[in-house]
Amino acid sequence: MSRCCVITGKKALRGNLVSHANNKTNHFFLPNARKVRLKSKILGKTVSFIVSARGLRTLDKYGGLDSYLQKRTKRRLNEALHPLKRALMRKITPDL
């Protein structure tokens, strides 16, 4: 599993480290991504994803995982979050 944030989409970047003598060496710049367990209050379960520190701040800004999934369109979500959003929307608006 690659170290890619499911909230922000941040992933590893490739570049060069340049010394004072202008020597270039290859380097991968990894995001500050950790595997975290996020609680969904509406679904009543805990899910585990790889999220960066910036992604956690984004979730705090939206007020949690449930409100983040409600406010973001399916088009702007990571594919790993699509089934979770679908289950959440079914729970909120059940079929009559």
C-alpha atoms as a PDB file:
ATOM      1  CA  MET A   1       0.000   0.000   0.000  1.00  0.00           C
ATOM      2  CA  SER A   2       1.480   3.322  -1.005  1.00  0.00           C
ATOM      3  CA  ARG A   3       1.747   6.222   1.387  1.00  0.00           C
ATOM      4  CA  CYS A   4      -0.975   8.361  -0.134  1.00  0.00           C
ATOM      5  CA  CYS A   5      -3.493  10.414   1.863  1.00  0.00           C
ATOM      6  CA  VAL A   6      -7.138   9.543   1.124  1.00  0.00           C
ATOM      7  CA  ILE A   7      -8.344  13.007   2.197  1.00  0.00           C
ATOM      8  CA  THR A   8      -5.932  15.373   0.437  1.00  0.00           C
ATOM      9  CA  GLY A   9      -4.393  13.057  -2.168  1.00  0.00           C
ATOM     10  CA  LYS A  10      -0.846  13.899  -1.115  1.00  0.00           C
ATOM     11  CA  LYS A  11       1.694  11.319  -2.250  1.00  0.00           C
ATOM     12  CA  ALA A  12       5.441  10.866  -2.550  1.00  0.00           C
ATOM     13  CA  LEU A  13       7.281  13.316  -4.781  1.00  0.00           C
ATOM     14  CA  ARG A  14      10.607  12.705  -6.490  1.00  0.00           C
ATOM     15  CA  GLY A  15      13.252  15.368  -6.659  1.00  0.00           C
ATOM     16  CA  ASN A  16      16.872  16.170  -6.083  1.00  0.00           C
ATOM     17  CA  LEU A  17      18.816  17.126  -3.015  1.00  0.00           C
ATOM     18  CA  VAL A  18      21.249  19.825  -4.118  1.00  0.00           C
ATOM     19  CA  SER A  19      24.418  20.354  -2.113  1.00  0.00           C
ATOM     20  CA  HIS A  20      26.380  23.584  -1.762  1.00  0.00           C
ATOM     21  CA  ALA A  21      28.727  22.269  -4.466  1.00  0.00           C
ATOM     22  CA  ASN A  22      25.667  21.809  -6.719  1.00  0.00           C
ATOM     23  CA  ASN A  23      25.854  17.995  -6.555  1.00  0.00           C
ATOM     24  CA  LYS A  24      22.447  16.474  -7.203  1.00  0.00           C
ATOM     25  CA  THR A  25      21.283  13.245  -5.587  1.00  0.00           C
ATOM     26  CA  ASN A  26      17.923  11.579  -6.099  1.00  0.00           C
ATOM     27  CA  HIS A  27      15.511  11.791  -3.198  1.00  0.00           C
ATOM     28  CA  PHE A  28      11.894  10.914  -2.421  1.00  0.00           C
ATOM     29  CA  PHE A  29       9.937  13.430  -0.394  1.00  0.00           C
ATOM     30  CA  LEU A  30       7.316  11.480   1.556  1.00  0.00           C
ATOM     31  CA  PRO A  31       4.153  13.072   2.976  1.00  0.00           C
ATOM     32  CA  ASN A  32       3.535  13.065   6.716  1.00  0.00           C
ATOM     33  CA  ALA A  33       1.008  10.232   6.350  1.00  0.00           C
ATOM     34  CA  ARG A  34       0.013   7.836   9.113  1.00  0.00           C
ATOM     35  CA  LYS A  35      -2.481   5.009   9.393  1.00  0.00           C
ATOM     36  CA  VAL A  36      -5.295   6.327  11.579  1.00  0.00           C
ATOM     37  CA  ARG A  37      -8.608   4.953  12.750  1.00  0.00           C
ATOM     38  CA  LEU A  38     -11.513   7.314  12.160  1.00  0.00           C
ATOM     39  CA  LYS A  39     -14.857   6.945  13.927  1.00  0.00           C
ATOM     40  CA  SER A  40     -18.121   7.408  12.051  1.00  0.00           C
ATOM     41  CA  LYS A  41     -20.813   8.352  14.546  1.00  0.00           C
ATOM     42  CA  ILE A  42     -23.717   7.915  12.123  1.00  0.00           C
ATOM     43  CA  LEU A  43     -22.611   4.494  10.874  1.00  0.00           C
ATOM     44  CA  GLY A  44     -21.418   3.466  14.323  1.00  0.00           C
ATOM     45  CA  LYS A  45     -18.178   1.912  13.160  1.00  0.00           C
ATOM     46  CA  THR A  46     -14.487   2.638  12.978  1.00  0.00           C
ATOM     47  CA  VAL A  47     -12.614   2.727   9.667  1.00  0.00           C
ATOM     48  CA  SER A  48      -8.885   2.778   9.114  1.00  0.00           C
ATOM     49  CA  PHE A  49      -7.185   4.860   6.420  1.00  0.00           C
ATOM     50  CA  ILE A  50      -3.851   6.474   5.645  1.00  0.00           C
ATOM     51  CA  VAL A  51      -4.241  10.190   6.340  1.00  0.00           C
ATOM     52  CA  SER A  52      -1.692  13.003   6.328  1.00  0.00           C
ATOM     53  CA  ALA A  53      -1.430  15.617   9.058  1.00  0.00           C
ATOM     54  CA  ARG A  54      -2.997  18.136   6.682  1.00  0.00           C
ATOM     55  CA  GLY A  55      -5.851  15.685   6.052  1.00  0.00           C
ATOM     56  CA  LEU A  56      -6.551  15.469   9.792  1.00  0.00           C
ATOM     57  CA  ARG A  57      -6.716  19.258   9.939  1.00  0.00           C
ATOM     58  CA  THR A  58      -9.160  19.198   7.028  1.00  0.00           C
ATOM     59  CA  LEU A  59     -11.370  16.707   8.867  1.00  0.00           C
ATOM     60  CA  ASP A  60     -11.289  18.929  11.961  1.00  0.00           C
ATOM     61  CA  LYS A  61     -12.291  21.912   9.843  1.00  0.00           C
ATOM     62  CA  TYR A  62     -15.317  20.072   8.442  1.00  0.00           C
ATOM     63  CA  GLY A  63     -16.305  18.779  11.890  1.00  0.00           C
ATOM     64  CA  GLY A  64     -15.441  15.107  11.550  1.00  0.00           C
ATOM     65  CA  LEU A  65     -15.553  12.286   9.055  1.00  0.00           C
ATOM     66  CA  ASP A  66     -19.342  12.175   8.702  1.00  0.00           C
ATOM     67  CA  SER A  67     -19.788  15.853   7.881  1.00  0.00           C
ATOM     68  CA  TYR A  68     -16.774  15.758   5.545  1.00  0.00           C
ATOM     69  CA  LEU A  69     -18.335  12.918   3.557  1.00  0.00           C
ATOM     70  CA  GLN A  70     -21.703  14.687   3.437  1.00  0.00           C
ATOM     71  CA  LYS A  71     -20.305  17.983   2.168  1.00  0.00           C
ATOM     72  CA  ARG A  72     -17.866  16.661  -0.441  1.00  0.00           C
ATOM     73  CA  THR A  73     -19.158  15.531  -3.816  1.00  0.00           C
ATOM     74  CA  LYS A  74     -18.454  11.984  -4.922  1.00  0.00           C
ATOM     75  CA  ARG A  75     -16.348  13.343  -7.739  1.00  0.00           C
ATOM     76  CA  ARG A  76     -13.949  15.060  -5.320  1.00  0.00           C
ATOM     77  CA  LEU A  77     -13.564  12.061  -2.986  1.00  0.00           C
ATOM     78  CA  ASN A  78     -10.941   9.353  -3.130  1.00  0.00           C
ATOM     79  CA  GLU A  79     -12.244   6.029  -4.461  1.00  0.00           C
ATOM     80  CA  ALA A  80     -11.597   4.380  -1.083  1.00  0.00           C
ATOM     81  CA  LEU A  81     -14.192   6.697   0.484  1.00  0.00           C
ATOM     82  CA  HIS A  82     -16.984   6.065  -2.067  1.00  0.00           C
ATOM     83  CA  PRO A  83     -18.478   2.977  -0.333  1.00  0.00           C
ATOM     84  CA  LEU A  84     -18.365   4.783   3.004  1.00  0.00           C
ATOM     85  CA  LYS A  85     -20.190   7.811   1.588  1.00  0.00           C
ATOM     86  CA  ARG A  86     -22.771   5.553  -0.059  1.00  0.00           C
ATOM     87  CA  ALA A  87     -23.471   3.748   3.225  1.00  0.00           C
ATOM     88  CA  LEU A  88     -23.642   7.059   5.080  1.00  0.00           C
ATOM     89  CA  MET A  89     -26.144   8.565   2.653  1.00  0.00           C
ATOM     90  CA  ARG A  90     -28.312   5.427   2.822  1.00  0.00           C
ATOM     91  CA  LYS A  91     -28.344   5.687   6.598  1.00  0.00           C
ATOM     92  CA  ILE A  92     -29.261   9.388   6.567  1.00  0.00           C
ATOM     93  CA  THR A  93     -31.956   9.223   3.860  1.00  0.00           C
ATOM     94  CA  PRO A  94     -33.505   5.740   3.934  1.00  0.00           C
ATOM     95  CA  ASP A  95     -35.699   4.713   1.016  1.00  0.00           C
ATOM     96  CA  LEU A  96     -39.403   5.146   1.663  1.00  0.00           C
END
